[in-house]
Amino acid sequence: MRRLPPLGALRAFEAAARHLNFTHAAAELFVTQAAISHQVRQLEQWLGLRLFERRGHSLTMTGKGRDYLAEISLVLDRIASATARVKDGVDGPLRVTVLPSFAACWLVPRLDAFQAEYPDIDLKLTASAQLWDGTGSRFDLGIRSGLGQWPGLHAELIARELRSPVCAPSVAAGALPLREPADLRHARLLHDAPRDAWPLWCEHANVMGFDVQAGLAFDDAALALQAALRGQGVALGRLTLAERDLREGRLVQPFDIAVPNDYSYWLVYPPANAARTDVAAFRTWLLGQAGQDAKPGRDIGQAQVRDHRL
C-alpha cells in the first residue's frame, strides 16, 4: 500500500514553489491564499520538515523543498500527460514507425525541437522498412517512402526526393578534384538500394566510359551518407536526408545535376487517428519542419533538376 501525502497539498506546494508567492499560487488554482498556506503547512507537517522559509512577505525554499519540488514536478507532469491521453482514448506513448534512413538522418536530429514544443507527448520510434497497413494497435503513425497510395491510410507529403552526388569537402577538393561529372571515374562510388541509381544518374549526366557499378554498396541510404561523411567516396545522396550535412558543410555537392526519384516521403496514418491531439500535434510539427526545409534560401546547393526518374 502506497503512503502518499494529500494530492491537493502537493498541488498547492508545487504552485507556491514555482511562483514563490502564495497569492499567485492561489490565483492559479482558484483558491484563497489562506487555503494555499494551510495546504502547504499540512504537507510540511505530514513530511515532518520545512519546505519554505517565511520572512515577512518573502518566501524562499529550503534545500529539502527544492529537492522535493524537482521530483514532484515530474510526477505532476506525468499525471497531467496520462490524464490527457485517457481523455483522448489513448494509452501510452505516440508510436511512430519510421524508415531507418529517414529516422537517422532527418527525424532524430530534430526531435529536441519537438520535445521542447510538446513536452507532454512521449514518443516511441520504431525504425523499420517493413510495410505497415495501419491496422492493429502497434503504431499510430508511419513515415514511408512511396507514391502516396496506401489503401486505407491517409497520406500527406513530407518531402519530394532528389538525388545528386555528395561527398566530403576533402574528397571534392582532393588530389583528383571533382570539377565535372567525368571526374567521377577517379572516385570510389558509394551505392545504396536500388543499385541501378548510379548508372541512371550517369546516363542523364552524359558520363560514360567507366564502371559505374564498382565501389562500396550498402542496403540503407543512411549508411551510404555516413560513408560519404567519412571521406570514403561519393554517394548518390538523397538530398532530403543529406540536407543538414550539406547546409552545415560536412557534405558538398560537386555538380549541379539533381535527378528526381519516383518515390517521396509521406506521413501515413489511419483516418480515425486524425482527431487525436497527440497525432495532430506531431503532424503539425513534422509538416512545419518539412516546410522550413523547402523555404527559399534553404534549397540544397544550386542543383539543376533534370526531369528523369530514379
C-alpha atoms as a PDB file:
ATOM      1  CA  MET A   1       0.000   0.000   0.000  1.00  0.00           C
ATOM      2  CA  ARG A   2       1.366   3.389  -1.004  1.00  0.00           C
ATOM      3  CA  ARG A   3       1.706   6.018   1.708  1.00  0.00           C
ATOM      4  CA  LEU A   4       1.024   9.244  -0.160  1.00  0.00           C
ATOM      5  CA  PRO A   5       0.528  12.819   1.023  1.00  0.00           C
ATOM      6  CA  PRO A   6      -2.729  14.612   0.104  1.00  0.00           C
ATOM      7  CA  LEU A   7      -2.788  15.401  -3.617  1.00  0.00           C
ATOM      8  CA  GLY A   8      -4.288  18.836  -3.003  1.00  0.00           C
ATOM      9  CA  ALA A   9      -1.388  19.695  -0.705  1.00  0.00           C
ATOM     10  CA  LEU A  10       1.099  18.580  -3.348  1.00  0.00           C
ATOM     11  CA  ARG A  11      -0.555  20.799  -5.984  1.00  0.00           C
ATOM     12  CA  ALA A  12      -0.506  23.744  -3.585  1.00  0.00           C
ATOM     13  CA  PHE A  13       3.150  23.196  -2.740  1.00  0.00           C
ATOM     14  CA  GLU A  14       4.191  22.850  -6.408  1.00  0.00           C
ATOM     15  CA  ALA A  15       2.349  26.028  -7.447  1.00  0.00           C
ATOM     16  CA  ALA A  16       3.676  28.007  -4.477  1.00  0.00           C
ATOM     17  CA  ALA A  17       7.216  26.780  -5.164  1.00  0.00           C
ATOM     18  CA  ARG A  18       7.048  27.805  -8.831  1.00  0.00           C
ATOM     19  CA  HIS A  19       5.741  31.277  -8.039  1.00  0.00           C
ATOM     20  CA  LEU A  20       7.437  31.680  -4.626  1.00  0.00           C
ATOM     21  CA  ASN A  21       4.230  33.513  -3.793  1.00  0.00           C
ATOM     22  CA  PHE A  22       1.112  32.141  -2.092  1.00  0.00           C
ATOM     23  CA  THR A  23      -1.154  34.769  -3.663  1.00  0.00           C
ATOM     24  CA  HIS A  24      -0.096  33.881  -7.216  1.00  0.00           C
ATOM     25  CA  ALA A  25      -0.397  30.163  -6.461  1.00  0.00           C
ATOM     26  CA  ALA A  26      -3.914  30.735  -5.115  1.00  0.00           C
ATOM     27  CA  ALA A  27      -4.929  32.580  -8.293  1.00  0.00           C
ATOM     28  CA  GLU A  28      -3.607  29.732 -10.462  1.00  0.00           C
ATOM     29  CA  LEU A  29      -5.514  27.075  -8.523  1.00  0.00           C
ATOM     30  CA  PHE A  30      -8.657  29.204  -7.981  1.00  0.00           C
ATOM     31  CA  VAL A  31      -8.494  29.014  -4.191  1.00  0.00           C
ATOM     32  CA  THR A  32      -7.765  31.525  -1.439  1.00  0.00           C
ATOM     33  CA  GLN A  33      -4.311  32.457  -0.209  1.00  0.00           C
ATOM     34  CA  ALA A  34      -5.272  31.053   3.187  1.00  0.00           C
ATOM     35  CA  ALA A  35      -6.078  27.707   1.561  1.00  0.00           C
ATOM     36  CA  ILE A  36      -2.626  27.555  -0.063  1.00  0.00           C
ATOM     37  CA  SER A  37      -0.943  28.415   3.219  1.00  0.00           C
ATOM     38  CA  HIS A  38      -2.985  25.787   5.065  1.00  0.00           C
ATOM     39  CA  GLN A  39      -2.262  23.049   2.497  1.00  0.00           C
ATOM     40  CA  VAL A  40       1.472  23.799   2.451  1.00  0.00           C
ATOM     41  CA  ARG A  41       1.568  23.707   6.258  1.00  0.00           C
ATOM     42  CA  GLN A  42      -0.371  20.415   6.162  1.00  0.00           C
ATOM     43  CA  LEU A  43       2.205  18.929   3.784  1.00  0.00           C
ATOM     44  CA  GLU A  44       5.117  20.116   5.919  1.00  0.00           C
ATOM     45  CA  GLN A  45       3.519  18.506   8.979  1.00  0.00           C
ATOM     46  CA  TRP A  46       2.923  15.283   7.051  1.00  0.00           C
ATOM     47  CA  LEU A  47       6.565  15.208   5.908  1.00  0.00           C
ATOM     48  CA  GLY A  48       7.971  16.400   9.230  1.00  0.00           C
ATOM     49  CA  LEU A  49      10.187  19.041   7.615  1.00  0.00           C
ATOM     50  CA  ARG A  50      10.085  22.630   6.407  1.00  0.00           C
ATOM     51  CA  LEU A  51       9.729  23.259   2.670  1.00  0.00           C
ATOM     52  CA  PHE A  52       9.735  27.081   2.803  1.00  0.00           C
ATOM     53  CA  GLU A  53      11.393  29.807   4.823  1.00  0.00           C
ATOM     54  CA  ARG A  54       8.957  32.638   5.552  1.00  0.00           C
ATOM     55  CA  ARG A  55      10.359  36.070   6.364  1.00  0.00           C
ATOM     56  CA  GLY A  56       7.548  38.595   6.362  1.00  0.00           C
ATOM     57  CA  HIS A  57       6.211  38.739   2.801  1.00  0.00           C
ATOM     58  CA  SER A  58       9.329  36.998   1.433  1.00  0.00           C
ATOM     59  CA  LEU A  59       9.171  33.301   0.588  1.00  0.00           C
ATOM     60  CA  THR A  60      12.222  31.143  -0.132  1.00  0.00           C
ATOM     61  CA  MET A  61      12.651  27.401  -0.404  1.00  0.00           C
ATOM     62  CA  THR A  62      14.715  25.202   1.837  1.00  0.00           C
ATOM     63  CA  GLY A  63      17.161  22.730   0.334  1.00  0.00           C
ATOM     64  CA  LYS A  64      14.739  19.887   1.073  1.00  0.00           C
ATOM     65  CA  GLY A  65      11.983  21.906  -0.566  1.00  0.00           C
ATOM     66  CA  ARG A  66      13.979  22.366  -3.768  1.00  0.00           C
ATOM     67  CA  ASP A  67      14.779  18.648  -3.904  1.00  0.00           C
ATOM     68  CA  TYR A  68      11.142  17.731  -3.343  1.00  0.00           C
ATOM     69  CA  LEU A  69       9.938  20.183  -5.997  1.00  0.00           C
ATOM     70  CA  ALA A  70      12.197  18.615  -8.634  1.00  0.00           C
ATOM     71  CA  GLU A  71      10.609  15.210  -8.009  1.00  0.00           C
ATOM     72  CA  ILE A  72       7.013  16.365  -7.556  1.00  0.00           C
ATOM     73  CA  SER A  73       7.036  18.473 -10.727  1.00  0.00           C
ATOM     74  CA  LEU A  74       7.945  15.416 -12.785  1.00  0.00           C
ATOM     75  CA  VAL A  75       5.202  13.351 -11.160  1.00  0.00           C
ATOM     76  CA  LEU A  76       2.518  16.003 -11.714  1.00  0.00           C
ATOM     77  CA  ASP A  77       3.605  16.397 -15.342  1.00  0.00           C
ATOM     78  CA  ARG A  78       3.212  12.651 -15.827  1.00  0.00           C
ATOM     79  CA  ILE A  79      -0.224  12.700 -14.219  1.00  0.00           C
ATOM     80  CA  ALA A  80      -1.318  15.557 -16.493  1.00  0.00           C
ATOM     81  CA  SER A  81       0.022  13.766 -19.570  1.00  0.00           C
ATOM     82  CA  ALA A  82      -1.637  10.464 -18.627  1.00  0.00           C
ATOM     83  CA  THR A  83      -4.938  12.244 -17.966  1.00  0.00           C
ATOM     84  CA  ALA A  84      -4.862  13.919 -21.374  1.00  0.00           C
ATOM     85  CA  ARG A  85      -4.235  10.600 -23.065  1.00  0.00           C
ATOM     86  CA  VAL A  86      -7.067   8.876 -21.233  1.00  0.00           C
ATOM     87  CA  LYS A  87      -9.449  11.687 -22.204  1.00  0.00           C
ATOM     88  CA  ASP A  88      -8.423  11.212 -25.847  1.00  0.00           C
ATOM     89  CA  GLY A  89      -8.772   7.451 -25.602  1.00  0.00           C
ATOM     90  CA  VAL A  90      -5.002   6.973 -25.894  1.00  0.00           C
ATOM     91  CA  ASP A  91      -2.951   4.613 -23.773  1.00  0.00           C
ATOM     92  CA  GLY A  92       0.818   5.068 -23.753  1.00  0.00           C
ATOM     93  CA  PRO A  93       3.249   6.973 -25.957  1.00  0.00           C
ATOM     94  CA  LEU A  94       2.691   8.119 -29.532  1.00  0.00           C
ATOM     95  CA  ARG A  95       4.023   5.211 -31.581  1.00  0.00           C
ATOM     96  CA  VAL A  96       5.663   6.054 -34.893  1.00  0.00           C
ATOM     97  CA  THR A  97       7.188   3.630 -37.386  1.00  0.00           C
ATOM     98  CA  VAL A  98       9.888   5.299 -39.476  1.00  0.00           C
ATOM     99  CA  LEU A  99      12.229   4.251 -42.249  1.00  0.00           C
ATOM    100  CA  PRO A 100      15.669   3.738 -40.642  1.00  0.00           C
ATOM    101  CA  SER A 101      17.429   6.154 -43.012  1.00  0.00           C
ATOM    102  CA  PHE A 102      14.824   8.905 -42.509  1.00  0.00           C
ATOM    103  CA  ALA A 103      14.915   8.412 -38.744  1.00  0.00           C
ATOM    104  CA  ALA A 104      18.714   8.612 -38.521  1.00  0.00           C
ATOM    105  CA  CYS A 105      19.334  11.469 -40.958  1.00  0.00           C
ATOM    106  CA  TRP A 106      16.230  13.654 -40.738  1.00  0.00           C
ATOM    107  CA  LEU A 107      13.893  12.958 -37.841  1.00  0.00           C
ATOM    108  CA  VAL A 108      16.088  12.192 -34.827  1.00  0.00           C
ATOM    109  CA  PRO A 109      18.279  15.328 -35.213  1.00  0.00           C
ATOM    110  CA  ARG A 110      15.084  17.413 -34.993  1.00  0.00           C
ATOM    111  CA  LEU A 111      13.415  15.709 -32.019  1.00  0.00           C
ATOM    112  CA  ASP A 112      14.787  18.197 -29.489  1.00  0.00           C
ATOM    113  CA  ALA A 113      12.576  20.808 -31.145  1.00  0.00           C
ATOM    114  CA  PHE A 114       9.523  18.558 -30.874  1.00  0.00           C
ATOM    115  CA  GLN A 115      10.136  17.772 -27.205  1.00  0.00           C
ATOM    116  CA  ALA A 116      10.623  21.463 -26.445  1.00  0.00           C
ATOM    117  CA  GLU A 117       7.314  22.337 -28.123  1.00  0.00           C
ATOM    118  CA  TYR A 118       5.340  19.336 -26.830  1.00  0.00           C
ATOM    119  CA  PRO A 119       6.979  18.202 -23.571  1.00  0.00           C
ATOM    120  CA  ASP A 120       3.891  16.219 -22.501  1.00  0.00           C
ATOM    121  CA  ILE A 121       3.936  13.915 -25.543  1.00  0.00           C
ATOM    122  CA  ASP A 122       6.124  10.844 -25.240  1.00  0.00           C
ATOM    123  CA  LEU A 123       7.318   9.282 -28.492  1.00  0.00           C
ATOM    124  CA  LYS A 124       8.204   5.719 -29.257  1.00  0.00           C
ATOM    125  CA  LEU A 125      10.033   5.468 -32.583  1.00  0.00           C
ATOM    126  CA  THR A 126      10.477   2.141 -34.330  1.00  0.00           C
ATOM    127  CA  ALA A 127      12.970   2.185 -37.210  1.00  0.00           C
ATOM    128  CA  SER A 128      11.765  -0.351 -39.737  1.00  0.00           C
ATOM    129  CA  ALA A 129      11.483  -0.681 -43.502  1.00  0.00           C
ATOM    130  CA  GLN A 130       8.610  -3.142 -43.190  1.00  0.00           C
ATOM    131  CA  LEU A 131       5.290  -2.075 -44.653  1.00  0.00           C
ATOM    132  CA  TRP A 132       2.526  -1.053 -42.237  1.00  0.00           C
ATOM    133  CA  ASP A 133      -1.100  -1.350 -43.297  1.00  0.00           C
ATOM    134  CA  GLY A 134      -2.467   0.808 -40.491  1.00  0.00           C
ATOM    135  CA  THR A 135      -4.313  -1.998 -38.744  1.00  0.00           C
ATOM    136  CA  GLY A 136      -3.809  -3.149 -35.190  1.00  0.00           C
ATOM    137  CA  SER A 137      -2.526  -1.087 -32.270  1.00  0.00           C
ATOM    138  CA  ARG A 138       1.222  -1.418 -32.753  1.00  0.00           C
ATOM    139  CA  PHE A 139       1.664   2.019 -34.386  1.00  0.00           C
ATOM    140  CA  ASP A 140      -0.257   5.285 -34.569  1.00  0.00           C
ATOM    141  CA  LEU A 141       1.650   6.919 -37.438  1.00  0.00           C
ATOM    142  CA  GLY A 142       4.141   5.921 -40.103  1.00  0.00           C
ATOM    143  CA  ILE A 143       6.731   7.687 -42.253  1.00  0.00           C
ATOM    144  CA  ARG A 144       7.261   5.871 -45.515  1.00  0.00           C
ATOM    145  CA  SER A 145       8.762   6.293 -48.968  1.00  0.00           C
ATOM    146  CA  GLY A 146       6.463   5.673 -51.903  1.00  0.00           C
ATOM    147  CA  LEU A 147       3.967   7.089 -54.375  1.00  0.00           C
ATOM    148  CA  GLY A 148       1.500   8.260 -51.726  1.00  0.00           C
ATOM    149  CA  GLN A 149      -1.018   5.499 -52.285  1.00  0.00           C
ATOM    150  CA  TRP A 150      -1.651   3.188 -49.341  1.00  0.00           C
ATOM    151  CA  PRO A 151      -5.174   1.735 -49.245  1.00  0.00           C
ATOM    152  CA  GLY A 152      -6.998   2.598 -46.038  1.00  0.00           C
ATOM    153  CA  LEU A 153      -4.395   5.162 -44.907  1.00  0.00           C
ATOM    154  CA  HIS A 154      -4.355   8.927 -45.146  1.00  0.00           C
ATOM    155  CA  ALA A 155      -1.061  10.099 -46.726  1.00  0.00           C
ATOM    156  CA  GLU A 156       0.451  13.587 -46.546  1.00  0.00           C
ATOM    157  CA  LEU A 157       3.582  14.575 -48.445  1.00  0.00           C
ATOM    158  CA  ILE A 158       6.596  15.376 -46.284  1.00  0.00           C
ATOM    159  CA  ALA A 159       9.237  15.910 -48.983  1.00  0.00           C
ATOM    160  CA  ARG A 160       9.886  15.009 -52.593  1.00  0.00           C
ATOM    161  CA  GLU A 161      13.135  13.196 -53.174  1.00  0.00           C
ATOM    162  CA  LEU A 162      16.058  14.315 -55.320  1.00  0.00           C
ATOM    163  CA  ARG A 163      19.346  12.512 -55.851  1.00  0.00           C
ATOM    164  CA  SER A 164      22.688  14.134 -56.549  1.00  0.00           C
ATOM    165  CA  PRO A 165      26.336  13.185 -55.914  1.00  0.00           C
ATOM    166  CA  VAL A 166      27.507  14.235 -52.443  1.00  0.00           C
ATOM    167  CA  CYS A 167      30.845  13.800 -50.699  1.00  0.00           C
ATOM    168  CA  ALA A 168      33.089  15.218 -48.019  1.00  0.00           C
ATOM    169  CA  PRO A 169      34.792  18.516 -48.930  1.00  0.00           C
ATOM    170  CA  SER A 170      38.170  16.762 -48.739  1.00  0.00           C
ATOM    171  CA  VAL A 171      37.084  14.337 -51.461  1.00  0.00           C
ATOM    172  CA  ALA A 172      35.706  17.056 -53.744  1.00  0.00           C
ATOM    173  CA  ALA A 173      38.953  19.043 -53.495  1.00  0.00           C
ATOM    174  CA  GLY A 174      41.381  16.115 -53.247  1.00  0.00           C
ATOM    175  CA  ALA A 175      44.396  15.140 -55.322  1.00  0.00           C
ATOM    176  CA  LEU A 176      41.986  14.324 -58.163  1.00  0.00           C
ATOM    177  CA  PRO A 177      39.354  17.035 -57.646  1.00  0.00           C
ATOM    178  CA  LEU A 178      35.769  16.665 -58.810  1.00  0.00           C
ATOM    179  CA  ARG A 179      35.296  19.562 -61.230  1.00  0.00           C
ATOM    180  CA  GLU A 180      32.937  17.911 -63.730  1.00  0.00           C
ATOM    181  CA  PRO A 181      30.893  14.676 -63.780  1.00  0.00           C
ATOM    182  CA  ALA A 182      33.541  12.860 -65.856  1.00  0.00           C
ATOM    183  CA  ASP A 183      35.932  13.183 -62.887  1.00  0.00           C
ATOM    184  CA  LEU A 184      33.859  10.539 -61.106  1.00  0.00           C
ATOM    185  CA  ARG A 185      35.899   7.937 -62.979  1.00  0.00           C
ATOM    186  CA  HIS A 186      38.667   8.653 -60.419  1.00  0.00           C
ATOM    187  CA  ALA A 187      36.365   8.385 -57.374  1.00  0.00           C
ATOM    188  CA  ARG A 188      35.039   5.473 -55.357  1.00  0.00           C
ATOM    189  CA  LEU A 189      31.261   5.345 -55.788  1.00  0.00           C
ATOM    190  CA  LEU A 190      29.008   4.594 -52.818  1.00  0.00           C
ATOM    191  CA  HIS A 191      25.796   2.748 -53.628  1.00  0.00           C
ATOM    192  CA  ASP A 192      22.546   2.191 -51.793  1.00  0.00           C
ATOM    193  CA  ALA A 193      19.426   0.400 -52.996  1.00  0.00           C
ATOM    194  CA  PRO A 194      18.481   0.334 -55.818  1.00  0.00           C
ATOM    195  CA  ARG A 195      21.916  -0.440 -57.197  1.00  0.00           C
ATOM    196  CA  ASP A 196      20.973   0.937 -60.657  1.00  0.00           C
ATOM    197  CA  ALA A 197      20.729   4.534 -59.376  1.00  0.00           C
ATOM    198  CA  TRP A 198      24.305   5.499 -60.271  1.00  0.00           C
ATOM    199  CA  PRO A 199      24.098   4.128 -63.849  1.00  0.00           C
ATOM    200  CA  LEU A 200      20.884   6.082 -64.428  1.00  0.00           C
ATOM    201  CA  TRP A 201      22.318   9.310 -63.000  1.00  0.00           C
ATOM    202  CA  CYS A 202      25.483   8.970 -65.104  1.00  0.00           C
ATOM    203  CA  GLU A 203      23.374   8.359 -68.199  1.00  0.00           C
ATOM    204  CA  HIS A 204      21.438  11.576 -67.599  1.00  0.00           C
ATOM    205  CA  ALA A 205      24.671  13.456 -66.858  1.00  0.00           C
ATOM    206  CA  ASN A 206      26.213  12.127 -70.101  1.00  0.00           C
ATOM    207  CA  VAL A 207      29.034  10.412 -68.222  1.00  0.00           C
ATOM    208  CA  MET A 208      30.340   7.219 -69.828  1.00  0.00           C
ATOM    209  CA  GLY A 209      33.450   5.100 -70.149  1.00  0.00           C
ATOM    210  CA  PHE A 210      33.932   3.679 -66.626  1.00  0.00           C
ATOM    211  CA  ASP A 211      32.403   1.029 -64.396  1.00  0.00           C
ATOM    212  CA  VAL A 212      29.576   2.750 -62.518  1.00  0.00           C
ATOM    213  CA  GLN A 213      28.704  -0.492 -60.719  1.00  0.00           C
ATOM    214  CA  ALA A 214      32.038  -0.597 -58.878  1.00  0.00           C
ATOM    215  CA  GLY A 215      32.524   0.719 -55.352  1.00  0.00           C
ATOM    216  CA  LEU A 216      31.020   0.143 -51.913  1.00  0.00           C
ATOM    217  CA  ALA A 217      27.395  -0.963 -51.601  1.00  0.00           C
ATOM    218  CA  PHE A 218      25.015  -0.508 -48.654  1.00  0.00           C
ATOM    219  CA  ASP A 219      21.448  -1.634 -48.094  1.00  0.00           C
ATOM    220  CA  ASP A 220      20.491   1.637 -46.386  1.00  0.00           C
ATOM    221  CA  ALA A 221      20.791   5.232 -47.615  1.00  0.00           C
ATOM    222  CA  ALA A 222      21.929   6.481 -44.204  1.00  0.00           C
ATOM    223  CA  LEU A 223      24.918   4.137 -44.281  1.00  0.00           C
ATOM    224  CA  ALA A 224      25.971   5.414 -47.705  1.00  0.00           C
ATOM    225  CA  LEU A 225      25.785   9.005 -46.420  1.00  0.00           C
ATOM    226  CA  GLN A 226      27.780   8.055 -43.339  1.00  0.00           C
ATOM    227  CA  ALA A 227      30.500   6.611 -45.550  1.00  0.00           C
ATOM    228  CA  ALA A 228      30.485   9.801 -47.627  1.00  0.00           C
ATOM    229  CA  LEU A 229      30.837  11.902 -44.469  1.00  0.00           C
ATOM    230  CA  ARG A 230      33.927   9.887 -43.560  1.00  0.00           C
ATOM    231  CA  GLY A 231      35.540  10.576 -46.920  1.00  0.00           C
ATOM    232  CA  GLN A 232      35.176   7.019 -48.189  1.00  0.00           C
ATOM    233  CA  GLY A 233      33.769   8.006 -51.572  1.00  0.00           C
ATOM    234  CA  VAL A 234      30.955   9.778 -53.396  1.00  0.00           C
ATOM    235  CA  ALA A 235      27.344   8.819 -52.618  1.00  0.00           C
ATOM    236  CA  LEU A 236      24.378   9.437 -54.862  1.00  0.00           C
ATOM    237  CA  GLY A 237      22.745  11.181 -51.973  1.00  0.00           C
ATOM    238  CA  ARG A 238      19.065  11.515 -51.243  1.00  0.00           C
ATOM    239  CA  LEU A 239      19.058  15.270 -50.688  1.00  0.00           C
ATOM    240  CA  THR A 240      16.257  15.242 -48.124  1.00  0.00           C
ATOM    241  CA  LEU A 241      18.403  13.024 -45.925  1.00  0.00           C
ATOM    242  CA  ALA A 242      21.624  14.935 -46.644  1.00  0.00           C
ATOM    243  CA  GLU A 243      20.049  18.381 -46.109  1.00  0.00           C
ATOM    244  CA  ARG A 244      21.547  19.164 -42.708  1.00  0.00           C
ATOM    245  CA  ASP A 245      25.040  17.894 -43.534  1.00  0.00           C
ATOM    246  CA  LEU A 246      25.022  19.907 -46.769  1.00  0.00           C
ATOM    247  CA  ARG A 247      23.753  23.046 -45.057  1.00  0.00           C
ATOM    248  CA  GLU A 248      26.386  22.776 -42.309  1.00  0.00           C
ATOM    249  CA  GLY A 249      29.225  21.999 -44.736  1.00  0.00           C
ATOM    250  CA  ARG A 250      30.014  18.433 -43.753  1.00  0.00           C
ATOM    251  CA  LEU A 251      28.974  17.331 -47.231  1.00  0.00           C
ATOM    252  CA  VAL A 252      29.123  19.165 -50.562  1.00  0.00           C
ATOM    253  CA  GLN A 253      27.507  18.719 -53.976  1.00  0.00           C
ATOM    254  CA  PRO A 254      30.352  18.800 -56.507  1.00  0.00           C
ATOM    255  CA  PHE A 255      27.976  19.011 -59.510  1.00  0.00           C
ATOM    256  CA  ASP A 256      24.785  20.893 -60.300  1.00  0.00           C
ATOM    257  CA  ILE A 257      22.683  17.960 -61.511  1.00  0.00           C
ATOM    258  CA  ALA A 258      19.944  16.506 -59.318  1.00  0.00           C
ATOM    259  CA  VAL A 259      17.540  13.863 -60.570  1.00  0.00           C
ATOM    260  CA  PRO A 260      14.064  13.324 -59.028  1.00  0.00           C
ATOM    261  CA  ASN A 261      13.190   9.964 -57.601  1.00  0.00           C
ATOM    262  CA  ASP A 262       9.758   8.471 -58.264  1.00  0.00           C
ATOM    263  CA  TYR A 263       9.317   7.894 -54.532  1.00  0.00           C
ATOM    264  CA  SER A 264       8.766  10.669 -51.989  1.00  0.00           C
ATOM    265  CA  TYR A 265       8.486  10.721 -48.188  1.00  0.00           C
ATOM    266  CA  TRP A 266       4.977  10.574 -46.716  1.00  0.00           C
ATOM    267  CA  LEU A 267       3.305  10.722 -43.324  1.00  0.00           C
ATOM    268  CA  VAL A 268       0.671   7.978 -43.208  1.00  0.00           C
ATOM    269  CA  TYR A 269      -1.972   7.140 -40.613  1.00  0.00           C
ATOM    270  CA  PRO A 270      -5.469   5.686 -40.295  1.00  0.00           C
ATOM    271  CA  PRO A 271      -8.099   8.422 -40.825  1.00  0.00           C
ATOM    272  CA  ALA A 272      -9.585   7.617 -37.390  1.00  0.00           C
ATOM    273  CA  ASN A 273      -6.356   8.831 -35.730  1.00  0.00           C
ATOM    274  CA  ALA A 274      -6.617  12.334 -37.197  1.00  0.00           C
ATOM    275  CA  ALA A 275      -8.757  13.603 -34.312  1.00  0.00           C
ATOM    276  CA  ARG A 276      -6.232  12.631 -31.645  1.00  0.00           C
ATOM    277  CA  THR A 277      -4.461  15.597 -30.092  1.00  0.00           C
ATOM    278  CA  ASP A 278      -1.047  13.894 -29.989  1.00  0.00           C
ATOM    279  CA  VAL A 279      -1.318  12.794 -33.625  1.00  0.00           C
ATOM    280  CA  ALA A 280      -2.411  16.294 -34.675  1.00  0.00           C
ATOM    281  CA  ALA A 281       0.487  17.847 -32.755  1.00  0.00           C
ATOM    282  CA  PHE A 282       3.092  15.545 -34.320  1.00  0.00           C
ATOM    283  CA  ARG A 283       1.609  16.070 -37.803  1.00  0.00           C
ATOM    284  CA  THR A 284       1.644  19.872 -37.433  1.00  0.00           C
ATOM    285  CA  TRP A 285       5.213  19.886 -36.154  1.00  0.00           C
ATOM    286  CA  LEU A 286       6.522  17.406 -38.758  1.00  0.00           C
ATOM    287  CA  LEU A 287       4.998  19.200 -41.750  1.00  0.00           C
ATOM    288  CA  GLY A 288       6.199  22.510 -40.327  1.00  0.00           C
ATOM    289  CA  GLN A 289       9.761  21.204 -40.181  1.00  0.00           C
ATOM    290  CA  ALA A 290       9.479  19.949 -43.763  1.00  0.00           C
ATOM    291  CA  GLY A 291       8.111  23.320 -44.848  1.00  0.00           C
ATOM    292  CA  GLN A 292      11.100  25.099 -43.311  1.00  0.00           C
ATOM    293  CA  ASP A 293      13.432  22.915 -45.372  1.00  0.00           C
ATOM    294  CA  ALA A 294      11.534  23.887 -48.529  1.00  0.00           C
ATOM    295  CA  LYS A 295      11.635  27.650 -47.927  1.00  0.00           C
ATOM    296  CA  PRO A 296      13.526  29.831 -50.436  1.00  0.00           C
ATOM    297  CA  GLY A 297      17.082  30.374 -49.303  1.00  0.00           C
ATOM    298  CA  ARG A 298      17.300  26.882 -47.809  1.00  0.00           C
ATOM    299  CA  ASP A 299      17.497  24.987 -51.082  1.00  0.00           C
ATOM    300  CA  ILE A 300      20.106  22.248 -51.209  1.00  0.00           C
ATOM    301  CA  GLY A 301      23.013  23.618 -53.176  1.00  0.00           C
ATOM    302  CA  GLN A 302      22.274  25.087 -56.589  1.00  0.00           C
ATOM    303  CA  ALA A 303      21.365  21.818 -58.266  1.00  0.00           C
ATOM    304  CA  GLN A 304      19.797  21.811 -61.686  1.00  0.00           C
ATOM    305  CA  VAL A 305      16.887  19.375 -61.558  1.00  0.00           C
ATOM    306  CA  ARG A 306      16.573  17.157 -64.591  1.00  0.00           C
ATOM    307  CA  ASP A 307      13.194  15.583 -65.131  1.00  0.00           C
ATOM    308  CA  HIS A 308      14.223  11.950 -65.122  1.00  0.00           C
ATOM    309  CA  ARG A 309      13.288   9.411 -62.505  1.00  0.00           C
ATOM    310  CA  LEU A 310      15.437   7.169 -60.323  1.00  0.00           C
END
